[in-house]
Amino acid sequence: MALSRSADSVESVLAWIDARRAEAIADLQRFCRQPSVAAQQWGMEEMAAMVQEAMRGLGTEPQLVTTRGFPVVVGRFDGASERRLAIYNHYDVQPPEPLDAWTTPPFDAAIRDGKLYARGVADNKGNLVARLWAVRAWRETQGTLPCGVTFLVEGEEEIGSPHLGEFAAEHQDLIQADACLWEAGYREPGGALALYAGVKGILYVELRARGVAYDLHSSNAPLAPSAAWRLVEALKTLRDPAGRVLIPHFYDAVLPATERERALMAQFPKDAAALRRLWQVEHLLGPEDDPAALTERLLFEPTCNICGIWGGYSGPGSKTVLPATAAAKLDFRLVPDQDPLTILAQLRGYLAAQGFGDVEVVELEDSERPAQSAVDTPLMNALVRSARRVYRMEPLVLPRIAGTGPMEQLCQRYGLPAVGGAGVGHASSRNHAPDENIVVDDFILGIKHVAALLAEFASTL
């Protein structure tokens, strides 16, 4: 198939997608109704089999590559061009709790007011299904794809991808491609799609404090050391009220933004007022009077965040207790060139130096290094052109997103450029929270975007 005739071909592909709209939505609901919570080992085998069967239905025999954890599903499709695009996604989702905070059950995949609500619909099943349907659209209408495509779909992203690095090292023959389309994509409040060429890294730990041997009556507070207070005092040493991390040398390896990266961020500054309305807060942490600086802070500054904290009694009513134990989960979002293991050692050393050597620091999940590809690559250029065609507006091009994924261990480590942004989420998708959702129309646009991208990428030098 001559790709120069892709204008006519793409139009017929996009028309086919519109004609199959209801079928595509039903397929997404089917994926979302299958639980696949890696952290709870719930439904993972069934979900991997569903992904495998979906690829088989597209005309390939996918491989279920075993790891020491959940398998990676690999589906390889040939195309008219010698160029090959790897597509990374994951089939696991976050735990759905707290269940009572959902308007409808998390795996019902209910549609209300033009939105589909389900755990994992934005992160990451909506993107995965949209990309599978883009391949289907080309094969149904043209008989082949414009370029080669290799799906790499893992089942452990939401628990830190602990075995993806081993998979990548052992199966370079499966991964080889000209570039990789990364998993996530979201529309900003104004409707523009945000494209990116990097992700932050992460270190996830739990701090554990112990006081007395067992919970005491709170009347003993004048004499008995409280684990809860001990934990709070340790936490207070880690960050100032503006969000700056106080661990010595924490920022030593941080790379500043380049002139090109600052120019991109200046074109698409964060809207502080919109964020305050969305999050229902009176102020943000950061320079609200300088939106471009606010964007740079979000994307280029590392963080120390408390994900959860507990100790003692938290049930209904009162229970006057002095807790024997208390704990907090923390994540550190890291930027190039911070090393998670170095940060872990600095954290432990700093707490000990501050007199909190008794507070245990436990790494809960495998850490992930930050990753950054060049902003200007053939894949990014193809993403921009295809986004203009489908969304009828200019996409945002940013150096990276503030989130994390295993981009370094799958791609950057092996010189494979990775770019993301072709996705179906939006600013209020509530990833990792109750009532996670996407706009149904955005799902259809996401299919079209990837379908148009395949033609653009096939002809991009």
Protein backbone atom coordinates (compact mmCIF):
# COMPACT_ATOMS: atom_id res chain seq x y z
CA MET A 1 0.00 0.00 0.00
CA ALA A 2 1.51 3.36 -1.00
CA LEU A 3 1.42 5.52 2.07
CA SER A 4 1.24 8.68 0.03
CA ARG A 5 -2.40 7.76 -0.54
CA SER A 6 -2.86 7.77 3.21
CA ALA A 7 -5.16 10.83 3.06
CA ASP A 8 -7.89 8.76 1.40
CA SER A 9 -6.98 5.70 3.44
CA VAL A 10 -7.09 7.55 6.75
CA GLU A 11 -10.47 9.07 5.94
CA SER A 12 -11.95 5.64 5.26
CA VAL A 13 -10.38 4.33 8.49
CA LEU A 14 -11.84 7.22 10.51
CA ALA A 15 -15.27 6.69 8.92
CA TRP A 16 -15.12 2.99 9.84
CA ILE A 17 -14.37 3.94 13.47
CA ASP A 18 -17.41 6.21 13.56
CA ALA A 19 -19.58 3.43 12.14
CA ARG A 20 -18.37 0.98 14.83
CA ARG A 21 -18.69 3.42 17.71
CA ALA A 22 -21.19 1.40 19.76
CA GLU A 23 -19.23 -1.81 19.31
CA ALA A 24 -15.98 -0.15 20.41
CA ILE A 25 -17.62 1.29 23.54
CA ALA A 26 -19.10 -2.09 24.44
CA ASP A 27 -15.66 -3.67 24.03
CA LEU A 28 -14.16 -1.13 26.42
CA GLN A 29 -16.88 -1.85 28.96
CA ARG A 30 -16.08 -5.56 28.66
CA PHE A 31 -12.41 -4.87 29.47
CA CYS A 32 -13.32 -2.61 32.39
CA ARG A 33 -15.72 -5.15 33.90
CA GLN A 34 -12.87 -7.61 34.36
CA PRO A 35 -11.05 -6.73 37.60
CA SER A 36 -7.25 -6.81 37.29
CA VAL A 37 -5.71 -5.50 40.50
CA ALA A 38 -2.07 -6.55 40.63
CA ALA A 39 -1.63 -5.34 44.22
CA GLN A 40 -4.39 -7.71 45.33
CA GLN A 41 -3.64 -10.47 42.78
CA TRP A 42 -7.24 -10.18 41.65
CA GLY A 43 -8.29 -11.20 38.13
CA MET A 44 -4.84 -10.94 36.60
CA GLU A 45 -4.77 -14.25 34.70
CA GLU A 46 -8.22 -13.56 33.26
CA MET A 47 -7.22 -10.07 32.17
CA ALA A 48 -4.00 -11.24 30.50
CA ALA A 49 -6.00 -13.86 28.63
CA MET A 50 -8.51 -11.21 27.51
CA VAL A 51 -5.72 -9.03 26.10
CA GLN A 52 -4.18 -12.03 24.38
CA GLU A 53 -7.50 -13.01 22.84
CA ALA A 54 -8.14 -9.45 21.63
CA MET A 55 -4.80 -9.44 19.78
CA ARG A 56 -5.50 -12.87 18.34
CA GLY A 57 -8.75 -11.51 16.97
CA LEU A 58 -6.75 -8.87 15.10
CA GLY A 59 -4.87 -11.48 13.13
CA THR A 60 -1.70 -12.24 15.07
CA GLU A 61 -0.64 -14.96 17.50
CA PRO A 62 0.42 -13.03 20.60
CA GLN A 63 3.01 -14.28 23.04
CA LEU A 64 2.29 -14.51 26.75
CA VAL A 65 5.82 -13.95 28.05
CA THR A 66 6.20 -15.20 31.60
CA THR A 67 8.04 -13.20 34.24
CA ARG A 68 8.62 -13.77 37.94
CA GLY A 69 5.37 -11.86 38.37
CA PHE A 70 2.49 -11.36 35.96
CA PRO A 71 3.08 -12.00 32.25
CA VAL A 72 3.74 -9.50 29.48
CA VAL A 73 1.48 -9.84 26.43
CA VAL A 74 3.38 -9.19 23.19
CA GLY A 75 1.53 -8.81 19.90
CA ARG A 76 3.45 -8.16 16.70
CA PHE A 77 1.86 -6.87 13.47
CA ASP A 78 3.63 -6.21 10.19
CA GLY A 79 2.85 -3.19 8.04
CA ALA A 80 3.38 -1.72 4.59
CA SER A 81 6.33 0.36 5.82
CA GLU A 82 9.52 -1.04 7.30
CA ARG A 83 9.13 1.39 10.20
CA ARG A 84 7.96 -0.18 13.44
CA LEU A 85 6.19 1.44 16.37
CA ALA A 86 6.26 -0.22 19.79
CA ILE A 87 3.17 0.53 21.89
CA TYR A 88 3.48 0.18 25.67
CA ASN A 89 0.43 -0.26 27.91
CA HIS A 90 -0.53 -2.17 31.04
CA TYR A 91 -3.54 -4.29 31.90
CA ASP A 92 -3.40 -3.97 35.69
CA VAL A 93 -5.30 -1.27 37.58
CA GLN A 94 -5.20 0.37 40.99
CA PRO A 95 -7.19 -1.11 43.90
CA PRO A 96 -10.76 0.27 43.84
CA GLU A 97 -10.97 1.17 47.54
CA PRO A 98 -12.64 3.04 49.18
CA LEU A 99 -15.64 1.30 47.63
CA ASP A 100 -18.25 3.44 49.37
CA ALA A 101 -16.89 6.56 47.63
CA TRP A 102 -17.93 5.31 44.17
CA THR A 103 -21.24 6.50 42.76
CA THR A 104 -21.62 3.16 40.97
CA PRO A 105 -19.54 0.02 41.62
CA PRO A 106 -15.99 0.34 40.23
CA PHE A 107 -16.25 -2.59 37.83
CA ASP A 108 -19.76 -1.91 36.52
CA ALA A 109 -18.40 0.30 33.70
CA ALA A 110 -21.51 2.46 33.90
CA ILE A 111 -22.11 5.30 31.45
CA ARG A 112 -23.64 8.49 32.87
CA ASP A 113 -23.94 11.88 31.19
CA GLY A 114 -21.54 10.95 28.42
CA LYS A 115 -18.84 9.55 30.72
CA LEU A 116 -17.80 5.95 31.38
CA TYR A 117 -16.97 5.27 35.03
CA ALA A 118 -14.76 2.34 36.01
CA ARG A 119 -11.56 1.54 37.82
CA GLY A 120 -8.81 1.57 35.20
CA VAL A 121 -10.81 3.16 32.39
CA ALA A 122 -8.41 6.12 32.14
CA ASP A 123 -5.40 4.31 33.58
CA ASN A 124 -4.95 2.34 31.40
CA LYS A 125 -7.63 0.22 29.74
CA GLY A 126 -9.22 3.03 27.74
CA ASN A 127 -5.89 3.75 26.06
CA LEU A 128 -5.13 0.07 25.49
CA VAL A 129 -8.51 -0.70 23.93
CA ALA A 130 -8.37 2.45 21.78
CA ARG A 131 -5.02 1.38 20.36
CA LEU A 132 -6.22 -2.15 19.68
CA TRP A 133 -9.22 -0.70 17.85
CA ALA A 134 -6.98 1.59 15.79
CA VAL A 135 -5.15 -1.51 14.54
CA ARG A 136 -8.46 -3.22 13.88
CA ALA A 137 -9.72 -0.24 11.87
CA TRP A 138 -6.73 -0.36 9.52
CA ARG A 139 -6.88 -4.11 9.05
CA GLU A 140 -10.62 -4.11 8.42
CA THR A 141 -10.54 -1.26 5.89
CA GLN A 142 -7.12 -1.57 4.24
CA GLY A 143 -6.09 -5.16 4.93
CA THR A 144 -2.79 -4.10 6.52
CA LEU A 145 -1.22 -1.44 8.70
CA PRO A 146 0.75 1.56 7.44
CA CYS A 147 3.71 0.55 9.65
CA GLY A 148 4.70 -2.35 11.84
CA VAL A 149 3.28 -2.34 15.37
CA THR A 150 4.42 -4.25 18.44
CA PHE A 151 2.18 -4.18 21.52
CA LEU A 152 4.01 -4.57 24.84
CA VAL A 153 1.35 -4.88 27.55
CA GLU A 154 2.50 -5.65 31.09
CA GLY A 155 0.55 -6.49 34.24
CA GLU A 156 2.58 -4.84 36.98
CA GLU A 157 2.76 -1.11 36.23
CA GLU A 158 0.59 -0.17 39.21
CA ILE A 159 2.97 -1.99 41.58
CA GLY A 160 6.14 -0.46 40.18
CA SER A 161 6.86 -2.80 37.22
CA PRO A 162 9.24 -4.93 39.31
CA HIS A 163 9.90 -7.46 36.53
CA LEU A 164 9.70 -5.35 33.38
CA GLY A 165 13.41 -4.60 33.48
CA GLU A 166 14.22 -8.31 33.40
CA PHE A 167 11.76 -8.80 30.55
CA ALA A 168 13.38 -5.99 28.56
CA ALA A 169 16.89 -7.30 29.13
CA GLU A 170 15.96 -10.85 28.10
CA HIS A 171 13.71 -10.02 25.12
CA GLN A 172 15.34 -7.24 23.14
CA ASP A 173 14.35 -9.11 19.99
CA LEU A 174 10.69 -8.49 20.86
CA ILE A 175 11.14 -4.86 21.83
CA GLN A 176 13.18 -3.59 18.88
CA ALA A 177 11.41 -0.72 17.10
CA ASP A 178 12.03 2.76 15.76
CA ALA A 179 10.19 4.42 18.65
CA CYS A 180 7.72 3.66 21.43
CA LEU A 181 4.29 5.17 22.02
CA TRP A 182 3.90 5.43 25.80
CA GLU A 183 0.81 4.48 27.75
CA ALA A 184 -0.94 7.61 28.98
CA GLY A 185 -2.66 10.61 27.46
CA TYR A 186 -5.00 13.32 28.74
CA ARG A 187 -6.81 16.39 27.54
CA GLU A 188 -6.22 19.61 29.43
CA PRO A 189 -9.20 21.62 30.80
CA GLY A 190 -9.30 23.64 27.58
CA GLY A 191 -9.52 20.47 25.49
CA ALA A 192 -5.97 20.35 24.12
CA LEU A 193 -4.16 17.02 24.18
CA ALA A 194 -0.91 17.03 26.19
CA LEU A 195 2.03 15.27 24.51
CA TYR A 196 5.23 14.49 26.39
CA ALA A 197 8.65 12.87 26.00
CA GLY A 198 9.53 11.87 29.55
CA VAL A 199 8.32 10.79 32.98
CA LYS A 200 9.43 11.28 36.55
CA GLY A 201 10.94 8.46 38.56
CA ILE A 202 9.69 7.25 41.92
CA LEU A 203 10.85 5.98 45.28
CA TYR A 204 8.02 4.54 47.43
CA VAL A 205 8.69 3.90 51.11
CA GLU A 206 6.93 3.34 54.41
CA LEU A 207 8.08 4.99 57.63
CA ARG A 208 7.32 2.91 60.72
CA ALA A 209 7.49 4.27 64.26
CA ARG A 210 7.17 2.33 67.50
CA GLY A 211 6.71 3.67 71.02
CA VAL A 212 5.44 1.53 73.86
CA ALA A 213 5.01 -2.25 73.68
CA TYR A 214 1.23 -2.08 73.21
CA ASP A 215 -1.54 0.53 72.97
CA LEU A 216 -2.04 2.30 76.29
CA HIS A 217 -4.82 4.27 77.93
CA SER A 218 -4.24 7.87 76.88
CA SER A 219 -4.00 8.99 80.51
CA ASN A 220 -0.41 7.70 80.30
CA ALA A 221 0.51 10.42 77.78
CA PRO A 222 2.55 12.48 80.30
CA LEU A 223 5.01 9.60 80.60
CA ALA A 224 4.62 7.19 77.66
CA PRO A 225 6.23 7.90 74.27
CA SER A 226 3.62 7.98 71.49
CA ALA A 227 4.44 6.34 68.15
CA ALA A 228 2.03 8.73 66.43
CA TRP A 229 3.81 11.84 67.72
CA ARG A 230 7.17 10.27 66.94
CA LEU A 231 6.11 9.69 63.35
CA VAL A 232 4.66 13.19 62.94
CA GLU A 233 7.85 14.76 64.30
CA ALA A 234 9.97 12.71 61.87
CA LEU A 235 7.74 13.65 58.94
CA LYS A 236 7.98 17.34 59.80
CA THR A 237 11.75 17.28 59.21
CA LEU A 238 11.37 16.13 55.58
CA ARG A 239 9.67 19.11 53.90
CA ASP A 240 9.01 22.79 54.43
CA PRO A 241 5.51 24.33 54.08
CA ALA A 242 6.24 25.40 50.49
CA GLY A 243 6.99 21.82 49.47
CA ARG A 244 10.81 21.99 49.32
CA VAL A 245 12.46 18.78 50.51
CA LEU A 246 14.88 19.39 53.39
CA ILE A 247 17.10 16.30 52.98
CA PRO A 248 20.69 17.51 52.37
CA HIS A 249 21.95 16.98 48.80
CA PHE A 250 18.48 15.93 47.66
CA TYR A 251 18.62 18.37 44.73
CA ASP A 252 22.28 17.90 43.80
CA ALA A 253 21.64 15.74 40.70
CA VAL A 254 18.57 17.62 39.43
CA LEU A 255 18.99 18.78 35.83
CA PRO A 256 17.56 22.23 35.03
CA ALA A 257 15.25 22.76 32.09
CA THR A 258 16.90 23.62 28.79
CA GLU A 259 16.02 26.75 26.83
CA ARG A 260 13.96 24.62 24.43
CA GLU A 261 12.07 22.99 27.30
CA ARG A 262 11.38 26.34 28.96
CA ALA A 263 10.13 27.73 25.67
CA LEU A 264 7.66 24.85 25.35
CA MET A 265 6.43 25.27 28.91
CA ALA A 266 6.01 29.01 28.40
CA GLN A 267 3.64 28.29 25.50
CA PHE A 268 1.38 26.15 27.71
CA PRO A 269 1.46 27.58 31.24
CA LYS A 270 -0.63 26.01 33.97
CA ASP A 271 -3.87 27.84 34.74
CA ALA A 272 -3.65 28.39 38.50
CA ALA A 273 -7.24 29.58 38.80
CA ALA A 274 -8.55 26.53 36.93
CA LEU A 275 -6.55 24.20 39.17
CA ARG A 276 -7.85 25.89 42.31
CA ARG A 277 -11.43 25.47 41.07
CA LEU A 278 -10.85 21.86 40.05
CA TRP A 279 -9.17 20.88 43.33
CA GLN A 280 -11.38 23.18 45.44
CA VAL A 281 -8.49 24.84 47.27
CA GLU A 282 -7.73 28.49 48.02
CA HIS A 283 -4.08 28.44 46.95
CA LEU A 284 -1.45 26.24 45.30
CA LEU A 285 2.09 25.46 46.37
CA GLY A 286 4.18 27.51 44.02
CA PRO A 287 4.36 30.80 42.13
CA GLU A 288 0.73 31.33 41.14
CA ASP A 289 1.60 34.76 39.74
CA ASP A 290 3.94 33.14 37.17
CA PRO A 291 2.05 30.36 35.35
CA ALA A 292 5.09 29.30 33.30
CA ALA A 293 7.12 28.90 36.49
CA LEU A 294 4.24 26.91 37.97
CA THR A 295 4.44 24.52 35.00
CA GLU A 296 8.20 24.16 35.43
CA ARG A 297 7.74 23.45 39.13
CA LEU A 298 5.25 20.68 38.37
CA LEU A 299 7.39 18.98 35.73
CA PHE A 300 10.96 19.66 36.84
CA GLU A 301 10.91 19.63 40.66
CA PRO A 302 11.16 16.41 42.68
CA THR A 303 8.70 15.88 45.52
CA CYS A 304 8.14 14.25 48.89
CA ASN A 305 4.48 13.30 49.29
CA ILE A 306 2.59 11.57 52.12
CA CYS A 307 0.29 9.01 50.48
CA GLY A 308 -1.25 7.74 53.69
CA ILE A 309 -0.75 7.94 57.46
CA TRP A 310 -2.21 5.93 60.32
CA GLY A 311 -1.82 4.90 63.95
CA GLY A 312 -4.06 4.20 66.90
CA TYR A 313 -7.84 4.33 66.62
CA SER A 314 -9.67 5.80 63.62
CA GLY A 315 -13.09 4.13 63.89
CA PRO A 316 -16.41 5.76 64.78
CA GLY A 317 -16.79 7.54 68.08
CA SER A 318 -13.96 7.96 70.58
CA LYS A 319 -11.35 5.64 71.99
CA THR A 320 -8.79 7.28 74.26
CA VAL A 321 -5.67 5.40 73.28
CA LEU A 322 -1.96 6.13 73.06
CA PRO A 323 -0.72 4.26 69.94
CA ALA A 324 2.12 1.79 70.18
CA THR A 325 2.78 1.94 66.43
CA ALA A 326 2.25 4.39 63.61
CA ALA A 327 3.25 4.44 59.96
CA ALA A 328 3.11 6.56 56.82
CA LYS A 329 3.52 5.76 53.14
CA LEU A 330 5.60 8.27 51.16
CA ASP A 331 6.42 8.67 47.51
CA PHE A 332 9.29 10.72 46.15
CA ARG A 333 8.78 11.75 42.51
CA LEU A 334 12.23 12.14 41.01
CA VAL A 335 13.59 13.96 37.98
CA PRO A 336 16.68 13.44 35.79
CA ASP A 337 19.37 12.64 37.00
CA GLN A 338 18.22 11.59 40.48
CA ASP A 339 18.90 7.98 41.47
CA PRO A 340 16.19 6.40 43.66
CA LEU A 341 18.71 4.29 45.58
CA THR A 342 20.80 7.37 46.35
CA ILE A 343 17.70 9.19 47.60
CA LEU A 344 16.80 6.18 49.78
CA ALA A 345 20.25 6.23 51.39
CA GLN A 346 20.02 10.01 51.90
CA LEU A 347 16.60 9.65 53.53
CA ARG A 348 17.81 7.04 56.01
CA GLY A 349 20.97 8.99 56.80
CA TYR A 350 19.08 12.24 57.29
CA LEU A 351 16.49 10.76 59.64
CA ALA A 352 19.26 9.19 61.71
CA ALA A 353 21.14 12.51 61.84
CA GLN A 354 17.97 14.25 63.01
CA GLY A 355 17.63 11.79 65.88
CA PHE A 356 15.06 9.52 64.22
CA GLY A 357 17.24 6.47 63.63
CA ASP A 358 14.56 4.41 65.36
CA VAL A 359 12.03 5.23 62.63
CA GLU A 360 12.24 2.34 60.19
CA VAL A 361 12.38 3.13 56.45
CA VAL A 362 11.05 0.27 54.30
CA GLU A 363 11.11 0.37 50.49
CA LEU A 364 7.71 -1.03 49.50
CA GLU A 365 7.99 -1.31 45.71
CA ASP A 366 10.81 -1.41 43.22
CA SER A 367 11.85 2.13 42.46
CA GLU A 368 11.81 3.57 38.94
CA ARG A 369 14.33 5.94 37.45
CA PRO A 370 13.21 9.09 35.65
CA ALA A 371 13.36 9.03 31.84
CA GLN A 372 13.63 11.72 29.22
CA SER A 373 13.67 11.40 25.43
CA ALA A 374 14.32 14.30 23.10
CA VAL A 375 11.28 16.54 22.62
CA ASP A 376 11.81 16.80 18.86
CA THR A 377 11.66 13.29 17.35
CA PRO A 378 9.88 11.76 14.35
CA LEU A 379 7.30 10.16 16.66
CA MET A 380 6.54 13.45 18.42
CA ASN A 381 6.19 15.19 15.05
CA ALA A 382 3.82 12.46 13.87
CA LEU A 383 1.80 12.72 17.10
CA VAL A 384 1.44 16.48 16.66
CA ARG A 385 0.27 16.22 13.04
CA SER A 386 -2.20 13.44 13.76
CA ALA A 387 -3.55 15.27 16.84
CA ARG A 388 -4.18 18.40 14.76
CA ARG A 389 -6.09 16.33 12.23
CA VAL A 390 -8.30 14.52 14.72
CA TYR A 391 -8.85 17.09 17.49
CA ARG A 392 -8.90 20.17 15.23
CA MET A 393 -6.70 22.08 17.68
CA GLU A 394 -3.04 22.45 18.49
CA PRO A 395 -1.76 19.90 21.02
CA LEU A 396 0.42 20.83 23.98
CA VAL A 397 4.02 19.60 23.67
CA LEU A 398 5.75 19.29 27.04
CA PRO A 399 9.11 17.81 28.01
CA ARG A 400 7.58 15.32 30.44
CA ILE A 401 4.61 14.59 32.65
CA ALA A 402 4.61 14.71 36.44
CA GLY A 403 3.67 11.02 36.68
CA THR A 404 5.85 7.93 36.59
CA GLY A 405 6.23 4.79 34.50
CA PRO A 406 8.91 2.25 33.56
CA MET A 407 10.06 4.22 30.52
CA GLU A 408 13.73 4.14 31.50
CA GLN A 409 13.99 0.39 31.96
CA LEU A 410 11.99 -0.49 28.84
CA CYS A 411 13.10 2.24 26.44
CA GLN A 412 15.71 4.79 27.43
CA ARG A 413 18.16 2.20 28.71
CA TYR A 414 18.28 0.73 25.20
CA GLY A 415 18.21 3.94 23.18
CA LEU A 416 14.55 3.60 22.18
CA PRO A 417 12.90 7.05 22.04
CA ALA A 418 9.53 7.13 23.81
CA VAL A 419 6.75 9.69 23.48
CA GLY A 420 3.30 9.72 25.08
CA GLY A 421 0.08 11.64 24.88
CA ALA A 422 -2.21 9.58 22.62
CA GLY A 423 -4.80 8.81 25.26
CA VAL A 424 -8.43 9.08 26.26
CA GLY A 425 -8.30 10.69 29.72
CA HIS A 426 -9.07 14.26 30.75
CA ALA A 427 -8.21 16.66 33.55
CA SER A 428 -10.96 15.29 35.83
CA SER A 429 -10.52 11.57 35.08
CA ARG A 430 -9.75 10.89 38.77
CA ASN A 431 -6.99 8.37 38.18
CA HIS A 432 -6.32 6.26 41.28
CA ALA A 433 -9.43 7.74 42.94
CA PRO A 434 -13.10 6.77 43.21
CA ASP A 435 -15.27 7.57 40.18
CA GLU A 436 -12.40 7.24 37.72
CA ASN A 437 -13.85 8.16 34.33
CA ILE A 438 -13.35 9.17 30.72
CA VAL A 439 -15.55 11.07 28.30
CA VAL A 440 -16.96 8.54 25.83
CA ASP A 441 -16.38 10.89 22.89
CA ASP A 442 -12.72 11.16 23.92
CA PHE A 443 -12.42 7.37 23.65
CA ILE A 444 -13.57 7.49 20.03
CA LEU A 445 -11.22 10.40 19.33
CA GLY A 446 -8.41 8.39 20.92
CA ILE A 447 -8.99 5.52 18.48
CA LYS A 448 -8.92 7.96 15.59
CA HIS A 449 -5.78 9.67 16.85
CA VAL A 450 -3.79 6.44 16.98
CA ALA A 451 -5.16 5.35 13.62
CA ALA A 452 -4.01 8.63 12.06
CA LEU A 453 -0.72 8.39 13.91
CA LEU A 454 0.16 5.06 12.31
CA ALA A 455 -0.07 6.62 8.84
CA GLU A 456 1.92 9.68 9.88
CA PHE A 457 4.63 7.64 11.59
CA ALA A 458 4.96 5.29 8.60
CA SER A 459 5.92 8.19 6.35
CA THR A 460 8.04 10.16 8.83
CA LEU A 461 11.81 10.10 8.35
